[in-house]
PDB file of all heavy atoms in Angstrom:
ATOM      1  N   TYR A   1      54.190  89.229 115.065  1.00  0.00           N
ATOM      2  CA  TYR A   1      55.504  89.218 114.277  1.00  0.00           C
ATOM      3  C   TYR A   1      56.332  87.958 114.606  1.00  0.00           C
ATOM      4  O   TYR A   1      56.834  87.426 113.788  1.00  0.00           O
ATOM      5  CB  TYR A   1      56.286  90.499 114.745  1.00  0.00           C
ATOM      6  CG  TYR A   1      57.524  90.844 113.883  1.00  0.00           C
ATOM      7  CD1 TYR A   1      57.463  91.523 112.805  1.00  0.00           C
ATOM      8  CD2 TYR A   1      58.754  90.220 114.362  1.00  0.00           C
ATOM      9  CE1 TYR A   1      58.553  91.674 111.951  1.00  0.00           C
ATOM     10  CE2 TYR A   1      59.917  90.456 113.556  1.00  0.00           C
ATOM     11  CZ  TYR A   1      59.858  91.157 112.430  1.00  0.00           C
ATOM     12  OH  TYR A   1      61.008  91.390 111.726  1.00  0.00           O
ATOM     13  N   ARG A   2      56.429  87.606 115.987  1.00  0.00           N
ATOM     14  CA  ARG A   2      57.070  86.492 116.345  1.00  0.00           C
ATOM     15  C   ARG A   2      56.442  85.184 115.794  1.00  0.00           C
ATOM     16  O   ARG A   2      57.221  84.300 115.211  1.00  0.00           O
ATOM     17  CB  ARG A   2      57.022  86.401 117.856  1.00  0.00           C
ATOM     18  CG  ARG A   2      58.003  85.414 118.489  1.00  0.00           C
ATOM     19  CD  ARG A   2      57.979  85.491 120.059  1.00  0.00           C
ATOM     20  NE  ARG A   2      56.739  85.336 120.590  1.00  0.00           N
ATOM     21  CZ  ARG A   2      56.114  86.357 121.333  1.00  0.00           C
ATOM     22  NH1 ARG A   2      56.669  87.595 121.408  1.00  0.00           N
ATOM     23  NH2 ARG A   2      54.996  86.237 121.788  1.00  0.00           N
ATOM     24  N   GLU A   3      55.166  85.255 115.564  1.00  0.00           N
ATOM     25  CA  GLU A   3      54.435  83.948 115.125  1.00  0.00           C
ATOM     26  C   GLU A   3      54.894  83.785 113.652  1.00  0.00           C
ATOM     27  O   GLU A   3      55.130  82.688 113.196  1.00  0.00           O
ATOM     28  CB  GLU A   3      52.944  84.236 115.241  1.00  0.00           C
ATOM     29  CG  GLU A   3      52.090  83.239 114.658  1.00  0.00           C
ATOM     30  CD  GLU A   3      50.637  83.589 114.507  1.00  0.00           C
ATOM     31  OE1 GLU A   3      50.181  84.289 115.378  1.00  0.00           O
ATOM     32  OE2 GLU A   3      49.850  83.118 113.530  1.00  0.00           O
ATOM     33  N   PHE A   4      54.943  84.953 112.839  1.00  0.00           N
ATOM     34  CA  PHE A   4      55.288  84.804 111.384  1.00  0.00           C
ATOM     35  C   PHE A   4      56.631  84.324 111.220  1.00  0.00           C
ATOM     36  O   PHE A   4      56.934  83.381 110.479  1.00  0.00           O
ATOM     37  CB  PHE A   4      55.085  86.200 110.759  1.00  0.00           C
ATOM     38  CG  PHE A   4      55.351  86.099 109.247  1.00  0.00           C
ATOM     39  CD1 PHE A   4      54.258  85.850 108.399  1.00  0.00           C
ATOM     40  CD2 PHE A   4      56.584  86.273 108.755  1.00  0.00           C
ATOM     41  CE1 PHE A   4      54.538  85.734 107.018  1.00  0.00           C
ATOM     42  CE2 PHE A   4      56.898  86.237 107.408  1.00  0.00           C
ATOM     43  CZ  PHE A   4      55.784  85.973 106.569  1.00  0.00           C
ATOM     44  N   ILE A   5      57.589  84.832 111.974  1.00  0.00           N
ATOM     45  CA  ILE A   5      59.031  84.515 111.822  1.00  0.00           C
ATOM     46  C   ILE A   5      59.204  83.038 112.097  1.00  0.00           C
ATOM     47  O   ILE A   5      59.837  82.335 111.426  1.00  0.00           O
ATOM     48  CB  ILE A   5      59.885  85.435 112.631  1.00  0.00           C
ATOM     49  CG1 ILE A   5      59.929  86.896 112.184  1.00  0.00           C
ATOM     50  CG2 ILE A   5      61.383  84.827 112.600  1.00  0.00           C
ATOM     51  CD1 ILE A   5      60.524  87.114 110.900  1.00  0.00           C
ATOM     52  N   GLN A   6      58.681  82.722 113.235  1.00  0.00           N
ATOM     53  CA  GLN A   6      58.843  81.181 113.681  1.00  0.00           C
ATOM     54  C   GLN A   6      58.115  80.300 112.605  1.00  0.00           C
ATOM     55  O   GLN A   6      58.766  79.203 112.311  1.00  0.00           O
ATOM     56  CB  GLN A   6      58.257  81.128 115.060  1.00  0.00           C
ATOM     57  CG  GLN A   6      58.948  81.698 116.187  1.00  0.00           C
ATOM     58  CD  GLN A   6      58.204  81.615 117.481  1.00  0.00           C
ATOM     59  OE1 GLN A   6      57.296  80.930 117.696  1.00  0.00           O
ATOM     60  NE2 GLN A   6      58.747  82.361 118.527  1.00  0.00           N
ATOM     61  N   SER A   7      56.920  80.629 112.288  1.00  0.00           N
ATOM     62  CA  SER A   7      56.351  79.735 111.165  1.00  0.00           C
ATOM     63  C   SER A   7      57.148  79.666 109.916  1.00  0.00           C
ATOM     64  O   SER A   7      57.074  78.534 109.359  1.00  0.00           O
ATOM     65  CB  SER A   7      54.873  80.227 110.904  1.00  0.00           C
ATOM     66  OG  SER A   7      54.969  81.532 110.145  1.00  0.00           O
ATOM     67  N   GLN A   8      57.661  80.744 109.444  1.00  0.00           N
ATOM     68  CA  GLN A   8      58.597  80.553 108.277  1.00  0.00           C
ATOM     69  C   GLN A   8      59.844  79.702 108.540  1.00  0.00           C
ATOM     70  O   GLN A   8      60.026  78.850 107.686  1.00  0.00           O
ATOM     71  CB  GLN A   8      58.876  81.912 107.792  1.00  0.00           C
ATOM     72  CG  GLN A   8      57.783  82.793 107.363  1.00  0.00           C
ATOM     73  CD  GLN A   8      57.086  82.329 106.247  1.00  0.00           C
ATOM     74  OE1 GLN A   8      57.718  81.928 105.115  1.00  0.00           O
ATOM     75  NE2 GLN A   8      55.713  82.022 106.368  1.00  0.00           N
ATOM     76  N   LEU A   9      60.495  80.002 109.653  1.00  0.00           N
ATOM     77  CA  LEU A   9      61.784  79.278 109.842  1.00  0.00           C
ATOM     78  C   LEU A   9      61.504  77.801 110.012  1.00  0.00           C
ATOM     79  O   LEU A   9      62.413  76.976 109.623  1.00  0.00           O
ATOM     80  CB  LEU A   9      62.341  79.918 111.140  1.00  0.00           C
ATOM     81  CG  LEU A   9      63.239  81.151 110.921  1.00  0.00           C
ATOM     82  CD1 LEU A   9      63.748  81.581 112.274  1.00  0.00           C
ATOM     83  CD2 LEU A   9      64.228  81.018 109.846  1.00  0.00           C
ATOM     84  N   LEU A  10      60.587  77.414 110.911  1.00  0.00           N
ATOM     85  CA  LEU A  10      60.331  76.022 111.290  1.00  0.00           C
ATOM     86  C   LEU A  10      60.003  75.111 110.135  1.00  0.00           C
ATOM     87  O   LEU A  10      59.905  73.940 110.387  1.00  0.00           O
ATOM     88  CB  LEU A  10      59.494  75.932 112.440  1.00  0.00           C
ATOM     89  CG  LEU A  10      59.972  76.671 113.701  1.00  0.00           C
ATOM     90  CD1 LEU A  10      59.046  76.374 114.870  1.00  0.00           C
ATOM     91  CD2 LEU A  10      61.360  76.241 113.991  1.00  0.00           C
ATOM     92  N   LYS A  11      59.524  75.696 109.007  1.00  0.00           N
ATOM     93  CA  LYS A  11      59.113  74.766 107.839  1.00  0.00           C
ATOM     94  C   LYS A  11      60.283  74.791 106.756  1.00  0.00           C
ATOM     95  O   LYS A  11      60.003  74.324 105.711  1.00  0.00           O
ATOM     96  CB  LYS A  11      57.683  75.151 107.364  1.00  0.00           C
ATOM     97  CG  LYS A  11      57.790  76.704 106.817  1.00  0.00           C
ATOM     98  CD  LYS A  11      56.222  76.899 106.397  1.00  0.00           C
ATOM     99  CE  LYS A  11      56.185  78.386 105.584  1.00  0.00           C
ATOM    100  NZ  LYS A  11      54.791  78.741 105.416  1.00  0.00           N
ATOM    101  N   MET A  12      61.267  75.600 106.853  1.00  0.00           N
ATOM    102  CA  MET A  12      62.325  75.801 105.887  1.00  0.00           C
ATOM    103  C   MET A  12      63.111  74.426 105.641  1.00  0.00           C
ATOM    104  O   MET A  12      63.532  73.806 106.594  1.00  0.00           O
ATOM    105  CB  MET A  12      63.264  76.928 106.185  1.00  0.00           C
ATOM    106  CG  MET A  12      62.772  78.260 105.979  1.00  0.00           C
ATOM    107  SD  MET A  12      63.996  79.451 106.064  1.00  0.00           S
ATOM    108  CE  MET A  12      63.032  80.886 105.622  1.00  0.00           C
ATOM    109  N   PRO A  13      63.119  73.988 104.456  1.00  0.00           N
ATOM    110  CA  PRO A  13      64.077  72.790 104.133  1.00  0.00           C
ATOM    111  C   PRO A  13      65.495  73.173 104.427  1.00  0.00           C
ATOM    112  O   PRO A  13      65.835  74.351 104.353  1.00  0.00           O
ATOM    113  CB  PRO A  13      63.718  72.458 102.591  1.00  0.00           C
ATOM    114  CG  PRO A  13      63.455  73.876 102.033  1.00  0.00           C
ATOM    115  CD  PRO A  13      62.633  74.625 103.243  1.00  0.00           C
ATOM    116  N   ARG A  14      66.183  72.226 104.827  1.00  0.00           N
ATOM    117  CA  ARG A  14      67.758  72.328 105.074  1.00  0.00           C
ATOM    118  C   ARG A  14      68.001  73.173 106.341  1.00  0.00           C
ATOM    119  O   ARG A  14      69.166  73.510 106.677  1.00  0.00           O
ATOM    120  CB  ARG A  14      68.389  73.013 103.890  1.00  0.00           C
ATOM    121  CG  ARG A  14      68.466  72.120 102.722  1.00  0.00           C
ATOM    122  CD  ARG A  14      69.236  72.708 101.652  1.00  0.00           C
ATOM    123  NE  ARG A  14      68.878  74.049 101.178  1.00  0.00           N
ATOM    124  CZ  ARG A  14      67.924  74.204 100.254  1.00  0.00           C
ATOM    125  NH1 ARG A  14      67.321  73.229  99.608  1.00  0.00           N
ATOM    126  NH2 ARG A  14      67.626  75.447  99.860  1.00  0.00           N
ATOM    127  N   LEU A  15      66.943  73.408 107.188  1.00  0.00           N
ATOM    128  CA  LEU A  15      67.177  74.217 108.406  1.00  0.00           C
ATOM    129  C   LEU A  15      66.749  73.465 109.628  1.00  0.00           C
ATOM    130  O   LEU A  15      65.615  73.039 109.682  1.00  0.00           O
ATOM    131  CB  LEU A  15      66.470  75.592 108.318  1.00  0.00           C
ATOM    132  CG  LEU A  15      66.687  76.490 109.616  1.00  0.00           C
ATOM    133  CD1 LEU A  15      68.014  76.822 109.815  1.00  0.00           C
ATOM    134  CD2 LEU A  15      65.682  77.719 109.462  1.00  0.00           C
ATOM    135  N   THR A  16      67.661  73.361 110.560  1.00  0.00           N
ATOM    136  CA  THR A  16      67.308  72.775 111.886  1.00  0.00           C
ATOM    137  C   THR A  16      67.420  73.857 112.936  1.00  0.00           C
ATOM    138  O   THR A  16      68.418  74.704 112.819  1.00  0.00           O
ATOM    139  CB  THR A  16      68.333  71.626 112.222  1.00  0.00           C
ATOM    140  OG1 THR A  16      68.297  70.696 111.154  1.00  0.00           O
ATOM    141  CG2 THR A  16      68.179  71.005 113.544  1.00  0.00           C
ATOM    142  N   VAL A  17      66.565  73.857 113.850  1.00  0.00           N
ATOM    143  CA  VAL A  17      66.509  74.911 114.974  1.00  0.00           C
ATOM    144  C   VAL A  17      66.592  74.170 116.327  1.00  0.00           C
ATOM    145  O   VAL A  17      65.796  73.146 116.572  1.00  0.00           O
ATOM    146  CB  VAL A  17      65.390  75.756 114.943  1.00  0.00           C
ATOM    147  CG1 VAL A  17      65.387  76.771 116.027  1.00  0.00           C
ATOM    148  CG2 VAL A  17      65.235  76.446 113.617  1.00  0.00           C
ATOM    149  N   ILE A  18      67.560  74.534 117.162  1.00  0.00           N
ATOM    150  CA  ILE A  18      67.607  73.891 118.485  1.00  0.00           C
ATOM    151  C   ILE A  18      67.770  75.055 119.541  1.00  0.00           C
ATOM    152  O   ILE A  18      68.324  76.042 119.272  1.00  0.00           O
ATOM    153  CB  ILE A  18      68.821  72.849 118.760  1.00  0.00           C
ATOM    154  CG1 ILE A  18      70.122  73.491 118.615  1.00  0.00           C
ATOM    155  CG2 ILE A  18      68.666  71.679 117.814  1.00  0.00           C
ATOM    156  CD1 ILE A  18      71.372  72.755 119.007  1.00  0.00           C
ATOM    157  N   GLU A  19      67.462  74.616 120.823  1.00  0.00           N
ATOM    158  CA  GLU A  19      67.751  75.469 121.866  1.00  0.00           C
ATOM    159  C   GLU A  19      69.159  75.124 122.478  1.00  0.00           C
ATOM    160  O   GLU A  19      69.470  73.915 122.559  1.00  0.00           O
ATOM    161  CB  GLU A  19      66.732  75.302 122.986  1.00  0.00           C
ATOM    162  CG  GLU A  19      65.401  76.117 122.774  1.00  0.00           C
ATOM    163  CD  GLU A  19      64.457  75.916 123.866  1.00  0.00           C
ATOM    164  OE1 GLU A  19      64.906  75.209 125.028  1.00  0.00           O
ATOM    165  OE2 GLU A  19      63.587  76.653 124.004  1.00  0.00           O
ATOM    166  N   GLY A  20      69.857  76.048 123.010  1.00  0.00           N
ATOM    167  CA  GLY A  20      71.210  75.931 123.500  1.00  0.00           C
ATOM    168  C   GLY A  20      71.986  77.099 123.601  1.00  0.00           C
ATOM    169  O   GLY A  20      71.526  78.200 123.073  1.00  0.00           O
ATOM    170  N   SER A  21      73.083  77.032 124.238  1.00  0.00           N
ATOM    171  CA  SER A  21      74.048  78.155 124.402  1.00  0.00           C
ATOM    172  C   SER A  21      75.339  77.797 123.968  1.00  0.00           C
ATOM    173  O   SER A  21      75.852  76.681 124.266  1.00  0.00           O
ATOM    174  CB  SER A  21      74.070  78.562 125.909  1.00  0.00           C
ATOM    175  OG  SER A  21      74.848  79.707 126.092  1.00  0.00           O
ATOM    176  N   VAL A  22      75.896  78.543 123.113  1.00  0.00           N
ATOM    177  CA  VAL A  22      77.236  78.302 122.499  1.00  0.00           C
ATOM    178  C   VAL A  22      78.350  78.770 123.617  1.00  0.00           C
ATOM    179  O   VAL A  22      78.432  79.904 123.898  1.00  0.00           O
ATOM    180  CB  VAL A  22      77.509  78.864 121.255  1.00  0.00           C
ATOM    181  CG1 VAL A  22      78.940  78.776 120.709  1.00  0.00           C
ATOM    182  CG2 VAL A  22      76.605  78.148 120.179  1.00  0.00           C
ATOM    183  N   GLU A  23      79.088  77.812 124.027  1.00  0.00           N
ATOM    184  CA  GLU A  23      80.159  78.230 125.119  1.00  0.00           C
ATOM    185  C   GLU A  23      81.401  78.775 124.321  1.00  0.00           C
ATOM    186  O   GLU A  23      82.095  79.532 124.819  1.00  0.00           O
ATOM    187  CB  GLU A  23      80.521  76.858 125.958  1.00  0.00           C
ATOM    188  CG  GLU A  23      81.614  77.111 126.852  1.00  0.00           C
ATOM    189  CD  GLU A  23      81.367  78.082 127.886  1.00  0.00           C
ATOM    190  OE1 GLU A  23      80.300  78.241 128.409  1.00  0.00           O
ATOM    191  OE2 GLU A  23      82.418  78.749 128.374  1.00  0.00           O
ATOM    192  N   ASP A  24      81.783  78.056 123.177  1.00  0.00           N
ATOM    193  CA  ASP A  24      83.022  78.427 122.559  1.00  0.00           C
ATOM    194  C   ASP A  24      82.962  78.128 121.182  1.00  0.00           C
ATOM    195  O   ASP A  24      82.121  77.386 120.713  1.00  0.00           O
ATOM    196  CB  ASP A  24      84.185  77.700 123.305  1.00  0.00           C
ATOM    197  CG  ASP A  24      85.483  78.397 123.307  1.00  0.00           C
ATOM    198  OD1 ASP A  24      85.650  79.383 122.574  1.00  0.00           O
ATOM    199  OD2 ASP A  24      86.486  77.860 123.912  1.00  0.00           O
ATOM    200  N   LEU A  25      84.116  78.549 120.424  1.00  0.00           N
ATOM    201  CA  LEU A  25      84.220  78.131 119.052  1.00  0.00           C
ATOM    202  C   LEU A  25      85.301  77.039 118.987  1.00  0.00           C
ATOM    203  O   LEU A  25      86.248  77.032 119.674  1.00  0.00           O
ATOM    204  CB  LEU A  25      84.700  79.439 118.213  1.00  0.00           C
ATOM    205  CG  LEU A  25      83.689  80.585 118.116  1.00  0.00           C
ATOM    206  CD1 LEU A  25      84.553  81.803 117.568  1.00  0.00           C
ATOM    207  CD2 LEU A  25      82.427  80.228 117.338  1.00  0.00           C
ATOM    208  N   ILE A  26      85.057  76.178 117.927  1.00  0.00           N
ATOM    209  CA  ILE A  26      86.198  75.117 117.712  1.00  0.00           C
ATOM    210  C   ILE A  26      87.042  75.884 116.589  1.00  0.00           C
ATOM    211  O   ILE A  26      86.652  75.980 115.550  1.00  0.00           O
ATOM    212  CB  ILE A  26      85.529  73.932 117.349  1.00  0.00           C
ATOM    213  CG1 ILE A  26      84.481  73.288 118.310  1.00  0.00           C
ATOM    214  CG2 ILE A  26      86.590  72.804 117.044  1.00  0.00           C
ATOM    215  CD1 ILE A  26      83.681  72.160 117.695  1.00  0.00           C
ATOM    216  N   VAL A  27      88.358  75.977 116.874  1.00  0.00           N
ATOM    217  CA  VAL A  27      89.262  76.720 116.070  1.00  0.00           C
ATOM    218  C   VAL A  27      90.423  75.874 115.701  1.00  0.00           C
ATOM    219  O   VAL A  27      91.002  75.151 116.589  1.00  0.00           O
ATOM    220  CB  VAL A  27      89.717  78.004 116.659  1.00  0.00           C
ATOM    221  CG1 VAL A  27      90.668  78.824 115.792  1.00  0.00           C
ATOM    222  CG2 VAL A  27      88.506  78.852 116.965  1.00  0.00           C
ATOM    223  N   SER A  28      90.908  75.764 114.465  1.00  0.00           N
ATOM    224  CA  SER A  28      92.075  75.127 114.039  1.00  0.00           C
ATOM    225  C   SER A  28      92.946  75.999 113.189  1.00  0.00           C
ATOM    226  O   SER A  28      92.389  77.027 112.687  1.00  0.00           O
ATOM    227  CB  SER A  28      91.759  73.742 113.375  1.00  0.00           C
ATOM    228  OG  SER A  28      91.068  74.068 112.157  1.00  0.00           O
ATOM    229  N   ALA A  29      94.138  75.613 112.865  1.00  0.00           N
ATOM    230  CA  ALA A  29      94.975  76.394 111.969  1.00  0.00           C
ATOM    231  C   ALA A  29      94.663  76.057 110.638  1.00  0.00           C
ATOM    232  O   ALA A  29      94.684  74.888 110.172  1.00  0.00           O
ATOM    233  CB  ALA A  29      96.463  76.146 112.398  1.00  0.00           C
ATOM    234  N   ALA A  30      94.534  77.019 109.844  1.00  0.00           N
ATOM    235  CA  ALA A  30      94.381  76.858 108.339  1.00  0.00           C
ATOM    236  C   ALA A  30      95.661  76.825 107.593  1.00  0.00           C
ATOM    237  O   ALA A  30      96.705  77.179 108.241  1.00  0.00           O
ATOM    238  CB  ALA A  30      93.595  78.025 107.810  1.00  0.00           C
ATOM    239  N   ASP A  31      95.686  76.415 106.292  1.00  0.00           N
ATOM    240  CA  ASP A  31      96.910  76.280 105.501  1.00  0.00           C
ATOM    241  C   ASP A  31      97.549  77.738 105.490  1.00  0.00           C
ATOM    242  O   ASP A  31      98.840  77.732 105.335  1.00  0.00           O
ATOM    243  CB  ASP A  31      96.625  75.739 104.151  1.00  0.00           C
ATOM    244  CG  ASP A  31      95.960  74.313 104.258  1.00  0.00           C
ATOM    245  OD1 ASP A  31      96.247  73.622 105.271  1.00  0.00           O
ATOM    246  OD2 ASP A  31      95.245  73.920 103.308  1.00  0.00           O
ATOM    247  N   SER A  32      96.854  78.744 105.336  1.00  0.00           N
ATOM    248  CA  SER A  32      97.446  80.005 105.182  1.00  0.00           C
ATOM    249  C   SER A  32      97.969  80.567 106.527  1.00  0.00           C
ATOM    250  O   SER A  32      98.612  81.728 106.352  1.00  0.00           O
ATOM    251  CB  SER A  32      96.232  81.032 104.747  1.00  0.00           C
ATOM    252  OG  SER A  32      95.229  81.106 105.791  1.00  0.00           O
ATOM    253  N   GLY A  33      98.012  79.848 107.541  1.00  0.00           N
ATOM    254  CA  GLY A  33      98.405  80.351 108.820  1.00  0.00           C
ATOM    255  C   GLY A  33      97.452  81.069 109.654  1.00  0.00           C
ATOM    256  O   GLY A  33      97.604  81.484 110.727  1.00  0.00           O
ATOM    257  N   LYS A  34      96.278  81.400 109.031  1.00  0.00           N
ATOM    258  CA  LYS A  34      95.249  81.995 109.815  1.00  0.00           C
ATOM    259  C   LYS A  34      94.502  80.949 110.601  1.00  0.00           C
ATOM    260  O   LYS A  34      94.528  79.790 110.360  1.00  0.00           O
ATOM    261  CB  LYS A  34      94.220  82.676 108.900  1.00  0.00           C
ATOM    262  CG  LYS A  34      94.751  83.873 108.059  1.00  0.00           C
ATOM    263  CD  LYS A  34      93.643  84.428 107.110  1.00  0.00           C
ATOM    264  CE  LYS A  34      94.065  85.711 106.398  1.00  0.00           C
ATOM    265  NZ  LYS A  34      93.057  86.224 105.655  1.00  0.00           N
TER     266      LYS A  34
END
């Protein structure tokens, strides 16, 4: 199962895969105030 999912993802156009851990989100104020 793991082999199939990886083989499909790693050959998809427009998709990049990296290892890493997301520490935080980058957030700004939108025009709507949100």
